[in-house]
Amino acid sequence: MKDIINENKKDVQAAKRDKKAVKKIRRRESHKFLFDMVSVLFSRG
């Protein structure tokens, strides 16, 4: 039983880490999107 619980803990920690990584990537992508919008506006202006 203990082994199973330990494995589950590892899985949960890995999932949390993945979520954080996904958040970072999403944030970076949204920043890129904002910069693209701004550059398009400036190039038109």
PDB file of N, CA and C in Angstrom:
ATOM      1  N   MET A   1       0.838  -1.214   0.000  1.00  0.00           N
ATOM      2  CA  MET A   1       0.000   0.000   0.000  1.00  0.00           C
ATOM      3  C   MET A   1       0.869   1.260   0.000  1.00  0.00           C
ATOM      4  N   LYS A   2       1.922   1.251   0.812  1.00  0.00           N
ATOM      5  CA  LYS A   2       2.764   2.451   0.902  1.00  0.00           C
ATOM      6  C   LYS A   2       3.359   2.799  -0.456  1.00  0.00           C
ATOM      7  N   ASP A   3       3.773   1.769  -1.190  1.00  0.00           N
ATOM      8  CA  ASP A   3       4.366   2.013  -2.509  1.00  0.00           C
ATOM      9  C   ASP A   3       3.369   2.737  -3.412  1.00  0.00           C
ATOM     10  N   ILE A   4       2.124   2.295  -3.377  1.00  0.00           N
ATOM     11  CA  ILE A   4       1.097   2.906  -4.226  1.00  0.00           C
ATOM     12  C   ILE A   4       0.914   4.373  -3.846  1.00  0.00           C
ATOM     13  N   ILE A   5       0.859   4.643  -2.547  1.00  0.00           N
ATOM     14  CA  ILE A   5       0.674   6.024  -2.093  1.00  0.00           C
ATOM     15  C   ILE A   5       1.847   6.886  -2.550  1.00  0.00           C
ATOM     16  N   ASN A   6       3.061   6.365  -2.410  1.00  0.00           N
ATOM     17  CA  ASN A   6       4.241   7.117  -2.842  1.00  0.00           C
ATOM     18  C   ASN A   6       4.188   7.403  -4.336  1.00  0.00           C
ATOM     19  N   GLU A   7       3.789   6.409  -5.120  1.00  0.00           N
ATOM     20  CA  GLU A   7       3.697   6.606  -6.571  1.00  0.00           C
ATOM     21  C   GLU A   7       2.679   7.697  -6.886  1.00  0.00           C
ATOM     22  N   ASN A   8       1.553   7.677  -6.178  1.00  0.00           N
ATOM     23  CA  ASN A   8       0.527   8.692  -6.410  1.00  0.00           C
ATOM     24  C   ASN A   8       1.062  10.076  -6.080  1.00  0.00           C
ATOM     25  N   LYS A   9       1.804  10.183  -4.985  1.00  0.00           N
ATOM     26  CA  LYS A   9       2.390  11.474  -4.608  1.00  0.00           C
ATOM     27  C   LYS A   9       3.302  11.977  -5.718  1.00  0.00           C
ATOM     28  N   LYS A  10       4.128  11.076  -6.254  1.00  0.00           N
ATOM     29  CA  LYS A  10       5.039  11.457  -7.342  1.00  0.00           C
ATOM     30  C   LYS A  10       4.236  11.958  -8.538  1.00  0.00           C
ATOM     31  N   ASP A  11       3.169  11.236  -8.862  1.00  0.00           N
ATOM     32  CA  ASP A  11       2.342  11.635 -10.006  1.00  0.00           C
ATOM     33  C   ASP A  11       1.746  13.014  -9.780  1.00  0.00           C
ATOM     34  N   VAL A  12       1.268  13.260  -8.567  1.00  0.00           N
ATOM     35  CA  VAL A  12       0.652  14.553  -8.261  1.00  0.00           C
ATOM     36  C   VAL A  12       1.685  15.664  -8.399  1.00  0.00           C
ATOM     37  N   GLN A  13       2.884  15.433  -7.869  1.00  0.00           N
ATOM     38  CA  GLN A  13       3.939  16.449  -7.964  1.00  0.00           C
ATOM     39  C   GLN A  13       4.294  16.710  -9.420  1.00  0.00           C
ATOM     40  N   ALA A  14       4.381  15.657 -10.216  1.00  0.00           N
ATOM     41  CA  ALA A  14       4.703  15.808 -11.635  1.00  0.00           C
ATOM     42  C   ALA A  14       3.599  16.603 -12.334  1.00  0.00           C
ATOM     43  N   ALA A  15       2.353  16.310 -11.990  1.00  0.00           N
ATOM     44  CA  ALA A  15       1.232  17.021 -12.607  1.00  0.00           C
ATOM     45  C   ALA A  15       1.284  18.501 -12.253  1.00  0.00           C
ATOM     46  N   LYS A  16       1.592  18.799 -10.987  1.00  0.00           N
ATOM     47  CA  LYS A  16       1.700  20.200 -10.569  1.00  0.00           C
ATOM     48  C   LYS A  16       2.799  20.900 -11.359  1.00  0.00           C
ATOM     49  N   ARG A  17       3.936  20.211 -11.508  1.00  0.00           N
ATOM     50  CA  ARG A  17       5.052  20.808 -12.234  1.00  0.00           C
ATOM     51  C   ARG A  17       4.637  21.075 -13.681  1.00  0.00           C
ATOM     52  N   ASP A  18       3.934  20.108 -14.279  1.00  0.00           N
ATOM     53  CA  ASP A  18       3.491  20.278 -15.668  1.00  0.00           C
ATOM     54  C   ASP A  18       2.561  21.475 -15.784  1.00  0.00           C
ATOM     55  N   LYS A  19       1.652  21.629 -14.817  1.00  0.00           N
ATOM     56  CA  LYS A  19       0.725  22.761 -14.853  1.00  0.00           C
ATOM     57  C   LYS A  19       1.487  24.072 -14.827  1.00  0.00           C
ATOM     58  N   LYS A  20       2.494  24.157 -13.957  1.00  0.00           N
ATOM     59  CA  LYS A  20       3.294  25.383 -13.868  1.00  0.00           C
ATOM     60  C   LYS A  20       3.980  25.656 -15.193  1.00  0.00           C
ATOM     61  N   ALA A  21       4.538  24.613 -15.799  1.00  0.00           N
ATOM     62  CA  ALA A  21       5.233  24.773 -17.080  1.00  0.00           C
ATOM     63  C   ALA A  21       4.255  25.256 -18.148  1.00  0.00           C
ATOM     64  N   VAL A  22       3.071  24.666 -18.150  1.00  0.00           N
ATOM     65  CA  VAL A  22       2.061  25.061 -19.138  1.00  0.00           C
ATOM     66  C   VAL A  22       1.688  26.522 -18.939  1.00  0.00           C
ATOM     67  N   LYS A  23       1.523  26.939 -17.678  1.00  0.00           N
ATOM     68  CA  LYS A  23       1.191  28.339 -17.400  1.00  0.00           C
ATOM     69  C   LYS A  23       2.270  29.261 -17.940  1.00  0.00           C
ATOM     70  N   LYS A  24       3.530  28.899 -17.696  1.00  0.00           N
ATOM     71  CA  LYS A  24       4.643  29.731 -18.176  1.00  0.00           C
ATOM     72  C   LYS A  24       4.597  29.845 -19.689  1.00  0.00           C
ATOM     73  N   ILE A  25       4.395  28.706 -20.357  1.00  0.00           N
ATOM     74  CA  ILE A  25       4.374  28.708 -21.825  1.00  0.00           C
ATOM     75  C   ILE A  25       3.203  29.555 -22.315  1.00  0.00           C
ATOM     76  N   ARG A  26       2.046  29.386 -21.698  1.00  0.00           N
ATOM     77  CA  ARG A  26       0.871  30.154 -22.125  1.00  0.00           C
ATOM     78  C   ARG A  26       1.118  31.635 -21.950  1.00  0.00           C
ATOM     79  N   ARG A  27       1.711  32.008 -20.819  1.00  0.00           N
ATOM     80  CA  ARG A  27       1.975  33.417 -20.549  1.00  0.00           C
ATOM     81  C   ARG A  27       2.906  33.973 -21.624  1.00  0.00           C
ATOM     82  N   ARG A  28       3.948  33.187 -21.954  1.00  0.00           N
ATOM     83  CA  ARG A  28       4.901  33.630 -22.967  1.00  0.00           C
ATOM     84  C   ARG A  28       4.189  33.813 -24.302  1.00  0.00           C
ATOM     85  N   GLU A  29       3.301  32.877 -24.637  1.00  0.00           N
ATOM     86  CA  GLU A  29       2.583  32.964 -25.907  1.00  0.00           C
ATOM     87  C   GLU A  29       1.681  34.183 -25.933  1.00  0.00           C
ATOM     88  N   SER A  30       1.016  34.479 -24.821  1.00  0.00           N
ATOM     89  CA  SER A  30       0.127  35.637 -24.795  1.00  0.00           C
ATOM     90  C   SER A  30       0.941  36.920 -24.914  1.00  0.00           C
ATOM     91  N   HIS A  31       2.133  36.947 -24.303  1.00  0.00           N
ATOM     92  CA  HIS A  31       3.005  38.116 -24.443  1.00  0.00           C
ATOM     93  C   HIS A  31       3.398  38.286 -25.909  1.00  0.00           C
ATOM     94  N   LYS A  32       3.740  37.181 -26.544  1.00  0.00           N
ATOM     95  CA  LYS A  32       4.133  37.233 -27.952  1.00  0.00           C
ATOM     96  C   LYS A  32       2.967  37.784 -28.774  1.00  0.00           C
ATOM     97  N   PHE A  33       1.760  37.317 -28.468  1.00  0.00           N
ATOM     98  CA  PHE A  33       0.569  37.761 -29.184  1.00  0.00           C
ATOM     99  C   PHE A  33       0.384  39.262 -29.016  1.00  0.00           C
ATOM    100  N   LEU A  34       0.547  39.760 -27.784  1.00  0.00           N
ATOM    101  CA  LEU A  34       0.412  41.197 -27.529  1.00  0.00           C
ATOM    102  C   LEU A  34       1.443  41.980 -28.325  1.00  0.00           C
ATOM    103  N   PHE A  35       2.679  41.504 -28.319  1.00  0.00           N
ATOM    104  CA  PHE A  35       3.737  42.208 -29.057  1.00  0.00           C
ATOM    105  C   PHE A  35       3.416  42.230 -30.548  1.00  0.00           C
ATOM    106  N   ASP A  36       2.888  41.122 -31.065  1.00  0.00           N
ATOM    107  CA  ASP A  36       2.514  41.083 -32.483  1.00  0.00           C
ATOM    108  C   ASP A  36       1.434  42.115 -32.775  1.00  0.00           C
ATOM    109  N   MET A  37       0.432  42.193 -31.903  1.00  0.00           N
ATOM    110  CA  MET A  37      -0.647  43.166 -32.099  1.00  0.00           C
ATOM    111  C   MET A  37      -0.084  44.577 -32.119  1.00  0.00           C
ATOM    112  N   VAL A  38       0.779  44.880 -31.152  1.00  0.00           N
ATOM    113  CA  VAL A  38       1.351  46.227 -31.046  1.00  0.00           C
ATOM    114  C   VAL A  38       2.181  46.544 -32.284  1.00  0.00           C
ATOM    115  N   SER A  39       2.995  45.598 -32.717  1.00  0.00           N
ATOM    116  CA  SER A  39       3.850  45.851 -33.886  1.00  0.00           C
ATOM    117  C   SER A  39       2.992  46.069 -35.130  1.00  0.00           C
ATOM    118  N   VAL A  40       1.893  45.339 -35.252  1.00  0.00           N
ATOM    119  CA  VAL A  40       0.992  45.528 -36.399  1.00  0.00           C
ATOM    120  C   VAL A  40       0.400  46.929 -36.355  1.00  0.00           C
ATOM    121  N   LEU A  41      -0.048  47.349 -35.170  1.00  0.00           N
ATOM    122  CA  LEU A  41      -0.628  48.693 -35.041  1.00  0.00           C
ATOM    123  C   LEU A  41       0.397  49.758 -35.399  1.00  0.00           C
ATOM    124  N   PHE A  42       1.626  49.602 -34.905  1.00  0.00           N
ATOM    125  CA  PHE A  42       2.664  50.609 -35.164  1.00  0.00           C
ATOM    126  C   PHE A  42       3.053  50.620 -36.643  1.00  0.00           C
ATOM    127  N   SER A  43       3.128  49.455 -37.254  1.00  0.00           N
ATOM    128  CA  SER A  43       3.528  49.405 -38.667  1.00  0.00           C
ATOM    129  C   SER A  43       2.456  50.067 -39.530  1.00  0.00           C
ATOM    130  N   ARG A  44       1.194  49.977 -39.136  1.00  0.00           N
ATOM    131  CA  ARG A  44       0.119  50.641 -39.887  1.00  0.00           C
ATOM    132  C   ARG A  44       0.200  52.141 -39.683  1.00  0.00           C
ATOM    133  N   GLY A  45       0.423  52.532 -38.422  1.00  0.00           N
ATOM    134  CA  GLY A  45       0.453  53.956 -38.090  1.00  0.00           C
ATOM    135  C   GLY A  45       1.658  54.618 -38.722  1.00  0.00           C
TER     136      GLY A  45
END
